[in-house]
Amino acid sequence: MMDTESKSLWSHLLGLGMEGKHKGVRLKTLPSDMLTWSAWKSEFPDTTVLNMSRTNRNYTDEFYKTPERFVVGFLGGHGMYHVSFATLRKTSVMNLDARGVAVVATFDSDSTSARLFKRKLADRVLTFESVGKQQFKDKQTGSTWDRSGKAVDGEMKGQTLVPHVGIISFRKAWMTFHPRSKELTLD
């Protein structure tokens, strides 16, 4: 990536200025999501979009037909971790422990959306299980949560899980930039 103001080159997988005025500067990471337009529009119906000319035609439905090509990577307690989309397709909710960082990964294979949330809420680490396509439930309170991380029913109703930054990437690119990244799998 290159910013238009300083023409500095940035690594999106490292969040780091690589060349130019901002070389060595680390960007603040923010939670984000990558999903199909129809899924986004369904979740956020009042969305508007800036329509710019496309420079790459590779992002079609066919692009996502091989989930083993993709991972969601994130920072854990002692380094980087990743979960493959192939693993996530087998379960829509996956409780992860990244050396002391308790995270839940949710996945919707229709929209190819992987979201990460911190499992610790109010000094309690929650364990989740799927209860349908778009919802999951914690075992500790029996509360039901939606894919945005908000409790919609039960003892925790109205509470929201804190998003955990995850980066969707090609597996090969992720491993190039994070060769010591530990892959988390189903037990």
Protein backbone atom coordinates (compact mmCIF):
# COMPACT_ATOMS: atom_id res chain seq x y z
CA MET A 1 0.00 0.00 0.00
CA MET A 2 1.07 3.59 -0.56
CA ASP A 3 -0.45 6.60 1.16
CA THR A 4 -1.23 9.51 -1.13
CA GLU A 5 0.02 12.25 1.21
CA SER A 6 3.64 11.17 1.79
CA LYS A 7 3.94 8.42 -0.84
CA SER A 8 5.25 6.11 1.92
CA LEU A 9 5.01 2.37 1.23
CA TRP A 10 3.26 0.26 3.88
CA SER A 11 3.00 -3.47 4.58
CA HIS A 12 -0.65 -4.25 5.29
CA LEU A 13 0.29 -7.56 6.95
CA LEU A 14 2.79 -5.93 9.29
CA GLY A 15 1.04 -2.56 9.65
CA LEU A 16 4.47 -0.99 9.23
CA GLY A 17 5.94 1.78 7.09
CA MET A 18 8.51 0.12 4.84
CA GLU A 19 9.83 3.02 2.74
CA GLY A 20 9.50 6.78 2.67
CA LYS A 21 8.78 9.43 5.28
CA HIS A 22 6.94 6.97 7.55
CA LYS A 23 9.47 4.13 7.41
CA GLY A 24 9.38 2.28 10.75
CA VAL A 25 6.05 3.80 11.86
CA ARG A 26 3.53 1.19 13.10
CA LEU A 27 -0.14 1.75 12.24
CA LYS A 28 -2.84 1.37 14.87
CA THR A 29 -4.78 -1.81 14.11
CA LEU A 30 -8.55 -1.77 14.07
CA PRO A 31 -11.02 -4.65 13.90
CA SER A 32 -12.40 -5.13 10.40
CA ASP A 33 -14.34 -7.66 8.40
CA MET A 34 -14.15 -9.03 4.87
CA LEU A 35 -17.42 -10.44 3.57
CA THR A 36 -19.65 -10.52 0.54
CA TRP A 37 -21.53 -7.36 -0.40
CA SER A 38 -24.90 -9.11 -0.05
CA ALA A 39 -24.08 -10.18 3.52
CA TRP A 40 -22.89 -6.67 4.42
CA LYS A 41 -26.02 -5.10 2.93
CA SER A 42 -28.22 -7.58 4.85
CA GLU A 43 -26.51 -6.71 8.15
CA PHE A 44 -26.30 -2.96 7.47
CA PRO A 45 -29.20 -2.15 5.12
CA ASP A 46 -28.73 1.63 5.23
CA THR A 47 -25.14 1.41 4.02
CA THR A 48 -23.98 3.58 1.17
CA VAL A 49 -20.85 2.85 -0.80
CA LEU A 50 -18.28 4.80 -2.76
CA ASN A 51 -18.11 3.17 -6.17
CA MET A 52 -14.59 3.39 -7.57
CA SER A 53 -13.17 1.75 -10.65
CA ARG A 54 -11.82 -1.70 -9.85
CA THR A 55 -8.18 -2.43 -10.45
CA ASN A 56 -8.45 -6.14 -9.78
CA ARG A 57 -11.13 -8.50 -11.06
CA ASN A 58 -10.06 -11.44 -8.86
CA TYR A 59 -12.57 -10.79 -6.08
CA THR A 60 -15.50 -12.78 -7.42
CA ASP A 61 -17.40 -15.63 -5.73
CA GLU A 62 -14.89 -18.05 -7.29
CA PHE A 63 -12.14 -16.34 -5.31
CA TYR A 64 -13.52 -17.88 -2.09
CA LYS A 65 -14.14 -21.44 -3.33
CA THR A 66 -10.82 -22.67 -1.95
CA PRO A 67 -10.91 -21.86 1.79
CA GLU A 68 -7.61 -23.59 2.47
CA ARG A 69 -5.94 -20.60 0.74
CA PHE A 70 -7.04 -18.22 3.52
CA VAL A 71 -6.36 -17.67 7.22
CA VAL A 72 -7.40 -15.19 9.85
CA GLY A 73 -4.28 -14.19 11.75
CA PHE A 74 -3.99 -12.36 15.06
CA LEU A 75 -1.69 -11.43 17.92
CA GLY A 76 -1.88 -13.72 20.93
CA GLY A 77 -0.11 -13.83 24.28
CA HIS A 78 3.34 -14.62 22.87
CA GLY A 79 3.39 -13.98 19.15
CA MET A 80 1.18 -14.50 16.14
CA TYR A 81 -1.48 -17.16 15.59
CA HIS A 82 -3.73 -18.13 12.72
CA VAL A 83 -6.76 -20.29 11.92
CA SER A 84 -7.46 -21.51 8.41
CA PHE A 85 -10.78 -20.86 6.72
CA ALA A 86 -10.89 -24.60 5.98
CA THR A 87 -10.91 -25.27 9.75
CA LEU A 88 -13.46 -22.52 10.38
CA ARG A 89 -15.78 -23.94 7.70
CA LYS A 90 -16.06 -27.06 9.86
CA THR A 91 -17.39 -25.07 12.81
CA SER A 92 -19.08 -21.68 12.90
CA VAL A 93 -17.79 -20.99 16.44
CA MET A 94 -14.32 -21.83 17.69
CA ASN A 95 -12.95 -21.10 21.18
CA LEU A 96 -9.25 -20.30 20.97
CA ASP A 97 -6.54 -19.88 23.57
CA ALA A 98 -3.53 -18.08 22.17
CA ARG A 99 -1.19 -18.48 25.16
CA GLY A 100 -3.30 -16.58 27.62
CA VAL A 101 -5.42 -14.59 25.17
CA ALA A 102 -8.89 -16.16 25.09
CA VAL A 103 -10.60 -15.48 21.77
CA VAL A 104 -13.69 -16.79 20.02
CA ALA A 105 -13.68 -17.01 16.23
CA THR A 106 -17.02 -16.94 14.44
CA PHE A 107 -17.34 -17.86 10.78
CA ASP A 108 -20.13 -17.61 8.25
CA SER A 109 -19.27 -19.65 5.17
CA ASP A 110 -22.02 -18.03 3.05
CA SER A 111 -20.52 -14.57 3.48
CA THR A 112 -16.90 -15.77 4.05
CA SER A 113 -16.83 -13.61 7.19
CA ALA A 114 -14.47 -14.46 10.06
CA ARG A 115 -14.79 -12.36 13.22
CA LEU A 116 -12.75 -12.53 16.41
CA PHE A 117 -13.87 -11.44 19.89
CA LYS A 118 -12.23 -11.53 23.29
CA ARG A 119 -13.92 -14.22 25.42
CA LYS A 120 -13.20 -12.46 28.70
CA LEU A 121 -16.06 -10.26 29.86
CA ALA A 122 -16.50 -8.90 33.39
CA ASP A 123 -13.63 -10.99 34.82
CA ARG A 124 -15.13 -14.19 33.41
CA VAL A 125 -13.83 -16.19 30.46
CA LEU A 126 -16.78 -17.46 28.44
CA THR A 127 -16.92 -20.61 26.31
CA PHE A 128 -19.16 -20.49 23.25
CA GLU A 129 -21.03 -22.94 21.05
CA SER A 130 -23.06 -22.50 17.90
CA VAL A 131 -26.86 -22.36 18.18
CA GLY A 132 -27.72 -21.63 14.58
CA LYS A 133 -26.34 -19.98 11.53
CA GLN A 134 -26.04 -16.46 12.91
CA GLN A 135 -25.95 -16.99 16.69
CA PHE A 136 -23.89 -18.60 19.42
CA LYS A 137 -24.40 -19.25 23.12
CA ASP A 138 -22.07 -19.10 26.10
CA LYS A 139 -22.00 -22.19 28.33
CA GLN A 140 -21.54 -20.23 31.55
CA THR A 141 -24.78 -18.16 31.47
CA GLY A 142 -26.72 -19.64 28.55
CA SER A 143 -26.91 -16.19 26.95
CA THR A 144 -27.38 -16.02 23.18
CA TRP A 145 -25.08 -13.77 21.12
CA ASP A 146 -25.35 -12.54 17.53
CA ARG A 147 -22.51 -12.32 15.00
CA SER A 148 -21.81 -8.71 15.97
CA GLY A 149 -20.82 -9.94 19.45
CA LYS A 150 -23.91 -8.59 21.22
CA ALA A 151 -25.89 -10.68 23.72
CA VAL A 152 -29.47 -10.71 22.46
CA ASP A 153 -31.00 -12.98 25.12
CA GLY A 154 -30.25 -14.33 28.58
CA GLU A 155 -28.37 -13.08 31.64
CA MET A 156 -25.84 -11.12 29.54
CA LYS A 157 -28.48 -9.48 27.28
CA GLY A 158 -27.29 -6.06 26.10
CA GLN A 159 -23.60 -6.75 26.80
CA THR A 160 -21.13 -6.72 23.92
CA LEU A 161 -17.95 -8.71 23.42
CA VAL A 162 -14.82 -6.72 22.62
CA PRO A 163 -13.62 -7.30 19.04
CA HIS A 164 -10.12 -8.75 18.69
CA VAL A 165 -8.15 -7.60 15.65
CA GLY A 166 -7.84 -10.33 13.04
CA ILE A 167 -6.28 -10.03 9.60
CA ILE A 168 -7.68 -12.03 6.70
CA SER A 169 -4.84 -13.12 4.46
CA PHE A 170 -3.70 -15.67 1.96
CA ARG A 171 -2.03 -18.46 3.98
CA LYS A 172 1.18 -18.20 1.94
CA ALA A 173 1.47 -14.43 2.50
CA TRP A 174 0.69 -14.74 6.22
CA MET A 175 3.40 -17.37 6.68
CA THR A 176 5.90 -15.27 4.69
CA PHE A 177 5.43 -12.32 7.02
CA HIS A 178 4.83 -14.40 10.19
CA PRO A 179 6.86 -17.62 9.74
CA ARG A 180 6.59 -18.52 13.46
CA SER A 181 2.80 -18.09 13.54
CA LYS A 182 1.15 -21.00 15.32
CA GLU A 183 -1.84 -22.60 13.60
CA LEU A 184 -4.82 -23.26 15.87
CA THR A 185 -6.97 -26.24 14.93
CA LEU A 186 -10.02 -28.08 16.20
CA ASP A 187 -9.25 -30.29 19.20
